[in-house]
Amino acid sequence: MNATIRTEIFSRFQAANPKPTTELEYDSTFQLLIAVILSAQATDVSVNIATRRFFPLMVLRKEF
């Protein structure tokens, strides 16, 4: 897939849904990454249940 095709695909996504949202709950891009990884193995609802307890316990390093 070349750059022209990728650009066209993303243009169509943006036209179809200009302001996409997610059901996942997060406060930072790092938390979103973790939630997305978890959601590959579980439902968004169960990920939110787990991360509501887990995220407040996380100490994020500045690099993230």
PDB file of N, CA and C in Angstrom:
ATOM      1  N   MET A   1       0.858  -1.172   0.000  1.00  0.00           N
ATOM      2  CA  MET A   1       0.000   0.000   0.000  1.00  0.00           C
ATOM      3  C   MET A   1       0.901   1.231   0.000  1.00  0.00           C
ATOM      4  N   ASN A   2       0.715   2.100  -0.946  1.00  0.00           N
ATOM      5  CA  ASN A   2       1.558   3.288  -1.033  1.00  0.00           C
ATOM      6  C   ASN A   2       0.926   4.474  -0.292  1.00  0.00           C
ATOM      7  N   ALA A   3       1.669   5.571  -0.218  1.00  0.00           N
ATOM      8  CA  ALA A   3       1.223   6.756   0.531  1.00  0.00           C
ATOM      9  C   ALA A   3      -0.065   7.345  -0.027  1.00  0.00           C
ATOM     10  N   THR A   4      -0.238   7.323  -1.323  1.00  0.00           N
ATOM     11  CA  THR A   4      -1.448   7.874  -1.940  1.00  0.00           C
ATOM     12  C   THR A   4      -2.681   7.097  -1.515  1.00  0.00           C
ATOM     13  N   ILE A   5      -2.580   5.793  -1.507  1.00  0.00           N
ATOM     14  CA  ILE A   5      -3.712   4.952  -1.099  1.00  0.00           C
ATOM     15  C   ILE A   5      -4.000   5.158   0.384  1.00  0.00           C
ATOM     16  N   ARG A   6      -2.952   5.198   1.226  1.00  0.00           N
ATOM     17  CA  ARG A   6      -3.159   5.424   2.669  1.00  0.00           C
ATOM     18  C   ARG A   6      -3.842   6.765   2.913  1.00  0.00           C
ATOM     19  N   THR A   7      -3.400   7.791   2.213  1.00  0.00           N
ATOM     20  CA  THR A   7      -4.006   9.115   2.362  1.00  0.00           C
ATOM     21  C   THR A   7      -5.473   9.095   1.973  1.00  0.00           C
ATOM     22  N   GLU A   8      -5.797   8.411   0.896  1.00  0.00           N
ATOM     23  CA  GLU A   8      -7.194   8.295   0.453  1.00  0.00           C
ATOM     24  C   GLU A   8      -8.043   7.556   1.488  1.00  0.00           C
ATOM     25  N   ILE A   9      -7.516   6.483   2.038  1.00  0.00           N
ATOM     26  CA  ILE A   9      -8.251   5.716   3.061  1.00  0.00           C
ATOM     27  C   ILE A   9      -8.550   6.600   4.264  1.00  0.00           C
ATOM     28  N   PHE A  10      -7.522   7.298   4.777  1.00  0.00           N
ATOM     29  CA  PHE A  10      -7.740   8.149   5.945  1.00  0.00           C
ATOM     30  C   PHE A  10      -8.651   9.330   5.630  1.00  0.00           C
ATOM     31  N   SER A  11      -8.603   9.842   4.427  1.00  0.00           N
ATOM     32  CA  SER A  11      -9.527  10.919   4.022  1.00  0.00           C
ATOM     33  C   SER A  11     -10.968  10.429   4.054  1.00  0.00           C
ATOM     34  N   ARG A  12     -11.172   9.216   3.599  1.00  0.00           N
ATOM     35  CA  ARG A  12     -12.539   8.646   3.620  1.00  0.00           C
ATOM     36  C   ARG A  12     -13.011   8.393   5.047  1.00  0.00           C
ATOM     37  N   PHE A  13     -12.102   7.890   5.897  1.00  0.00           N
ATOM     38  CA  PHE A  13     -12.464   7.700   7.313  1.00  0.00           C
ATOM     39  C   PHE A  13     -12.866   9.034   7.934  1.00  0.00           C
ATOM     40  N   GLN A  14     -12.071  10.070   7.692  1.00  0.00           N
ATOM     41  CA  GLN A  14     -12.345  11.383   8.274  1.00  0.00           C
ATOM     42  C   GLN A  14     -13.659  11.962   7.750  1.00  0.00           C
ATOM     43  N   ALA A  15     -13.942  11.775   6.486  1.00  0.00           N
ATOM     44  CA  ALA A  15     -15.191  12.275   5.917  1.00  0.00           C
ATOM     45  C   ALA A  15     -16.394  11.538   6.503  1.00  0.00           C
ATOM     46  N   ALA A  16     -16.248  10.254   6.726  1.00  0.00           N
ATOM     47  CA  ALA A  16     -17.352   9.450   7.249  1.00  0.00           C
ATOM     48  C   ALA A  16     -17.587   9.684   8.745  1.00  0.00           C
ATOM     49  N   ASN A  17     -16.510   9.984   9.472  1.00  0.00           N
ATOM     50  CA  ASN A  17     -16.614  10.154  10.922  1.00  0.00           C
ATOM     51  C   ASN A  17     -15.598  11.207  11.359  1.00  0.00           C
ATOM     52  N   PRO A  18     -15.945  12.499  11.226  1.00  0.00           N
ATOM     53  CA  PRO A  18     -14.969  13.561  11.475  1.00  0.00           C
ATOM     54  C   PRO A  18     -14.524  13.694  12.938  1.00  0.00           C
ATOM     55  N   LYS A  19     -15.321  13.237  13.869  1.00  0.00           N
ATOM     56  CA  LYS A  19     -14.963  13.326  15.287  1.00  0.00           C
ATOM     57  C   LYS A  19     -15.156  11.959  15.955  1.00  0.00           C
ATOM     58  N   PRO A  20     -14.262  11.019  15.680  1.00  0.00           N
ATOM     59  CA  PRO A  20     -14.422   9.676  16.252  1.00  0.00           C
ATOM     60  C   PRO A  20     -14.251   9.690  17.768  1.00  0.00           C
ATOM     61  N   THR A  21     -14.959   8.804  18.432  1.00  0.00           N
ATOM     62  CA  THR A  21     -14.871   8.664  19.890  1.00  0.00           C
ATOM     63  C   THR A  21     -14.654   7.197  20.230  1.00  0.00           C
ATOM     64  N   THR A  22     -14.432   6.946  21.482  1.00  0.00           N
ATOM     65  CA  THR A  22     -14.265   5.581  21.962  1.00  0.00           C
ATOM     66  C   THR A  22     -15.033   5.413  23.261  1.00  0.00           C
ATOM     67  N   GLU A  23     -15.399   4.198  23.571  1.00  0.00           N
ATOM     68  CA  GLU A  23     -16.052   3.918  24.838  1.00  0.00           C
ATOM     69  C   GLU A  23     -15.035   3.693  25.941  1.00  0.00           C
ATOM     70  N   LEU A  24     -13.771   3.543  25.569  1.00  0.00           N
ATOM     71  CA  LEU A  24     -12.736   3.317  26.566  1.00  0.00           C
ATOM     72  C   LEU A  24     -12.519   4.579  27.391  1.00  0.00           C
ATOM     73  N   GLU A  25     -12.262   4.398  28.680  1.00  0.00           N
ATOM     74  CA  GLU A  25     -12.018   5.520  29.584  1.00  0.00           C
ATOM     75  C   GLU A  25     -10.515   5.669  29.788  1.00  0.00           C
ATOM     76  N   TYR A  26      -9.999   6.903  29.659  1.00  0.00           N
ATOM     77  CA  TYR A  26      -8.567   7.150  29.809  1.00  0.00           C
ATOM     78  C   TYR A  26      -8.330   8.628  30.069  1.00  0.00           C
ATOM     79  N   ASP A  27      -7.167   8.938  30.655  1.00  0.00           N
ATOM     80  CA  ASP A  27      -6.797  10.321  30.932  1.00  0.00           C
ATOM     81  C   ASP A  27      -5.546  10.762  30.186  1.00  0.00           C
ATOM     82  N   SER A  28      -4.845   9.831  29.568  1.00  0.00           N
ATOM     83  CA  SER A  28      -3.628  10.182  28.840  1.00  0.00           C
ATOM     84  C   SER A  28      -3.500   9.270  27.626  1.00  0.00           C
ATOM     85  N   THR A  29      -2.639   9.638  26.717  1.00  0.00           N
ATOM     86  CA  THR A  29      -2.433   8.797  25.535  1.00  0.00           C
ATOM     87  C   THR A  29      -1.831   7.451  25.930  1.00  0.00           C
ATOM     88  N   PHE A  30      -0.998   7.435  26.978  1.00  0.00           N
ATOM     89  CA  PHE A  30      -0.432   6.165  27.442  1.00  0.00           C
ATOM     90  C   PHE A  30      -1.532   5.259  27.985  1.00  0.00           C
ATOM     91  N   GLN A  31      -2.448   5.813  28.774  1.00  0.00           N
ATOM     92  CA  GLN A  31      -3.574   5.027  29.279  1.00  0.00           C
ATOM     93  C   GLN A  31      -4.435   4.521  28.127  1.00  0.00           C
ATOM     94  N   LEU A  32      -4.633   5.342  27.104  1.00  0.00           N
ATOM     95  CA  LEU A  32      -5.393   4.897  25.935  1.00  0.00           C
ATOM     96  C   LEU A  32      -4.695   3.710  25.273  1.00  0.00           C
ATOM     97  N   LEU A  33      -3.384   3.789  25.127  1.00  0.00           N
ATOM     98  CA  LEU A  33      -2.630   2.683  24.544  1.00  0.00           C
ATOM     99  C   LEU A  33      -2.856   1.397  25.328  1.00  0.00           C
ATOM    100  N   ILE A  34      -2.731   1.461  26.647  1.00  0.00           N
ATOM    101  CA  ILE A  34      -2.934   0.282  27.493  1.00  0.00           C
ATOM    102  C   ILE A  34      -4.365  -0.230  27.346  1.00  0.00           C
ATOM    103  N   ALA A  35      -5.339   0.659  27.368  1.00  0.00           N
ATOM    104  CA  ALA A  35      -6.743   0.255  27.239  1.00  0.00           C
ATOM    105  C   ALA A  35      -7.009  -0.406  25.894  1.00  0.00           C
ATOM    106  N   VAL A  36      -6.420   0.109  24.828  1.00  0.00           N
ATOM    107  CA  VAL A  36      -6.611  -0.479  23.494  1.00  0.00           C
ATOM    108  C   VAL A  36      -5.994  -1.880  23.448  1.00  0.00           C
ATOM    109  N   ILE A  37      -4.813  -2.034  24.027  1.00  0.00           N
ATOM    110  CA  ILE A  37      -4.182  -3.355  24.065  1.00  0.00           C
ATOM    111  C   ILE A  37      -5.061  -4.337  24.832  1.00  0.00           C
ATOM    112  N   LEU A  38      -5.572  -3.917  25.972  1.00  0.00           N
ATOM    113  CA  LEU A  38      -6.456  -4.792  26.756  1.00  0.00           C
ATOM    114  C   LEU A  38      -7.749  -5.093  26.006  1.00  0.00           C
ATOM    115  N   SER A  39      -8.273  -4.116  25.284  1.00  0.00           N
ATOM    116  CA  SER A  39      -9.556  -4.320  24.605  1.00  0.00           C
ATOM    117  C   SER A  39      -9.452  -5.306  23.450  1.00  0.00           C
ATOM    118  N   ALA A  40      -8.239  -5.598  23.008  1.00  0.00           N
ATOM    119  CA  ALA A  40      -8.075  -6.618  21.966  1.00  0.00           C
ATOM    120  C   ALA A  40      -8.420  -8.002  22.510  1.00  0.00           C
ATOM    121  N   GLN A  41      -8.359  -8.150  23.834  1.00  0.00           N
ATOM    122  CA  GLN A  41      -8.616  -9.445  24.455  1.00  0.00           C
ATOM    123  C   GLN A  41      -9.914  -9.482  25.268  1.00  0.00           C
ATOM    124  N   ALA A  42     -10.571  -8.334  25.396  1.00  0.00           N
ATOM    125  CA  ALA A  42     -11.776  -8.267  26.233  1.00  0.00           C
ATOM    126  C   ALA A  42     -12.695  -7.181  25.677  1.00  0.00           C
ATOM    127  N   THR A  43     -13.873  -7.075  26.245  1.00  0.00           N
ATOM    128  CA  THR A  43     -14.806  -6.036  25.805  1.00  0.00           C
ATOM    129  C   THR A  43     -14.406  -4.691  26.400  1.00  0.00           C
ATOM    130  N   ASP A  44     -14.826  -3.606  25.768  1.00  0.00           N
ATOM    131  CA  ASP A  44     -14.536  -2.274  26.291  1.00  0.00           C
ATOM    132  C   ASP A  44     -15.107  -2.113  27.697  1.00  0.00           C
ATOM    133  N   VAL A  45     -16.272  -2.686  27.937  1.00  0.00           N
ATOM    134  CA  VAL A  45     -16.910  -2.574  29.252  1.00  0.00           C
ATOM    135  C   VAL A  45     -16.031  -3.218  30.317  1.00  0.00           C
ATOM    136  N   SER A  46     -15.522  -4.422  30.056  1.00  0.00           N
ATOM    137  CA  SER A  46     -14.691  -5.091  31.058  1.00  0.00           C
ATOM    138  C   SER A  46     -13.336  -4.401  31.212  1.00  0.00           C
ATOM    139  N   VAL A  47     -12.813  -3.829  30.133  1.00  0.00           N
ATOM    140  CA  VAL A  47     -11.563  -3.062  30.229  1.00  0.00           C
ATOM    141  C   VAL A  47     -11.784  -1.844  31.122  1.00  0.00           C
ATOM    142  N   ASN A  48     -12.896  -1.144  30.946  1.00  0.00           N
ATOM    143  CA  ASN A  48     -13.185   0.030  31.778  1.00  0.00           C
ATOM    144  C   ASN A  48     -13.307  -0.350  33.246  1.00  0.00           C
ATOM    145  N   ILE A  49     -13.914  -1.482  33.533  1.00  0.00           N
ATOM    146  CA  ILE A  49     -14.028  -1.941  34.920  1.00  0.00           C
ATOM    147  C   ILE A  49     -12.641  -2.158  35.513  1.00  0.00           C
ATOM    148  N   ALA A  50     -11.773  -2.802  34.768  1.00  0.00           N
ATOM    149  CA  ALA A  50     -10.419  -3.088  35.263  1.00  0.00           C
ATOM    150  C   ALA A  50      -9.582  -1.817  35.369  1.00  0.00           C
ATOM    151  N   THR A  51      -9.644  -0.959  34.355  1.00  0.00           N
ATOM    152  CA  THR A  51      -8.767   0.207  34.358  1.00  0.00           C
ATOM    153  C   THR A  51      -9.214   1.283  35.345  1.00  0.00           C
ATOM    154  N   ARG A  52     -10.478   1.304  35.719  1.00  0.00           N
ATOM    155  CA  ARG A  52     -10.925   2.266  36.745  1.00  0.00           C
ATOM    156  C   ARG A  52     -10.167   2.050  38.045  1.00  0.00           C
ATOM    157  N   ARG A  53      -9.830   0.797  38.334  1.00  0.00           N
ATOM    158  CA  ARG A  53      -9.074   0.487  39.551  1.00  0.00           C
ATOM    159  C   ARG A  53      -7.570   0.554  39.310  1.00  0.00           C
ATOM    160  N   PHE A  54      -7.148   0.182  38.104  1.00  0.00           N
ATOM    161  CA  PHE A  54      -5.720   0.078  37.802  1.00  0.00           C
ATOM    162  C   PHE A  54      -5.067   1.433  37.519  1.00  0.00           C
ATOM    163  N   PHE A  55      -5.679   2.258  36.703  1.00  0.00           N
ATOM    164  CA  PHE A  55      -5.050   3.519  36.293  1.00  0.00           C
ATOM    165  C   PHE A  55      -4.719   4.441  37.466  1.00  0.00           C
ATOM    166  N   PRO A  56      -5.589   4.582  38.466  1.00  0.00           N
ATOM    167  CA  PRO A  56      -5.217   5.463  39.586  1.00  0.00           C
ATOM    168  C   PRO A  56      -3.973   4.973  40.349  1.00  0.00           C
ATOM    169  N   LEU A  57      -3.641   3.703  40.240  1.00  0.00           N
ATOM    170  CA  LEU A  57      -2.478   3.159  40.935  1.00  0.00           C
ATOM    171  C   LEU A  57      -1.186   3.312  40.141  1.00  0.00           C
ATOM    172  N   MET A  58      -1.308   3.629  38.866  1.00  0.00           N
ATOM    173  CA  MET A  58      -0.133   3.735  37.998  1.00  0.00           C
ATOM    174  C   MET A  58       0.638   5.017  38.293  1.00  0.00           C
ATOM    175  N   VAL A  59       1.935   4.885  38.351  1.00  0.00           N
ATOM    176  CA  VAL A  59       2.810   6.052  38.424  1.00  0.00           C
ATOM    177  C   VAL A  59       3.472   6.166  37.070  1.00  0.00           C
ATOM    178  N   LEU A  60       3.092   7.198  36.325  1.00  0.00           N
ATOM    179  CA  LEU A  60       3.602   7.354  34.965  1.00  0.00           C
ATOM    180  C   LEU A  60       4.936   8.077  34.967  1.00  0.00           C
ATOM    181  N   ARG A  61       5.857   7.556  34.193  1.00  0.00           N
ATOM    182  CA  ARG A  61       7.145   8.209  34.039  1.00  0.00           C
ATOM    183  C   ARG A  61       7.012   9.345  33.028  1.00  0.00           C
ATOM    184  N   LYS A  62       7.866  10.345  33.153  1.00  0.00           N
ATOM    185  CA  LYS A  62       7.796  11.518  32.284  1.00  0.00           C
ATOM    186  C   LYS A  62       7.962  11.187  30.817  1.00  0.00           C
ATOM    187  N   GLU A  63       8.688  10.106  30.488  1.00  0.00           N
ATOM    188  CA  GLU A  63       8.915   9.761  29.091  1.00  0.00           C
ATOM    189  C   GLU A  63       7.624   9.412  28.367  1.00  0.00           C
ATOM    190  N   PHE A  64       6.611   8.992  29.090  1.00  0.00           N
ATOM    191  CA  PHE A  64       5.360   8.614  28.471  1.00  0.00           C
ATOM    192  C   PHE A  64       4.507   9.840  28.328  1.00  0.00           C
TER     193      PHE A  64
END
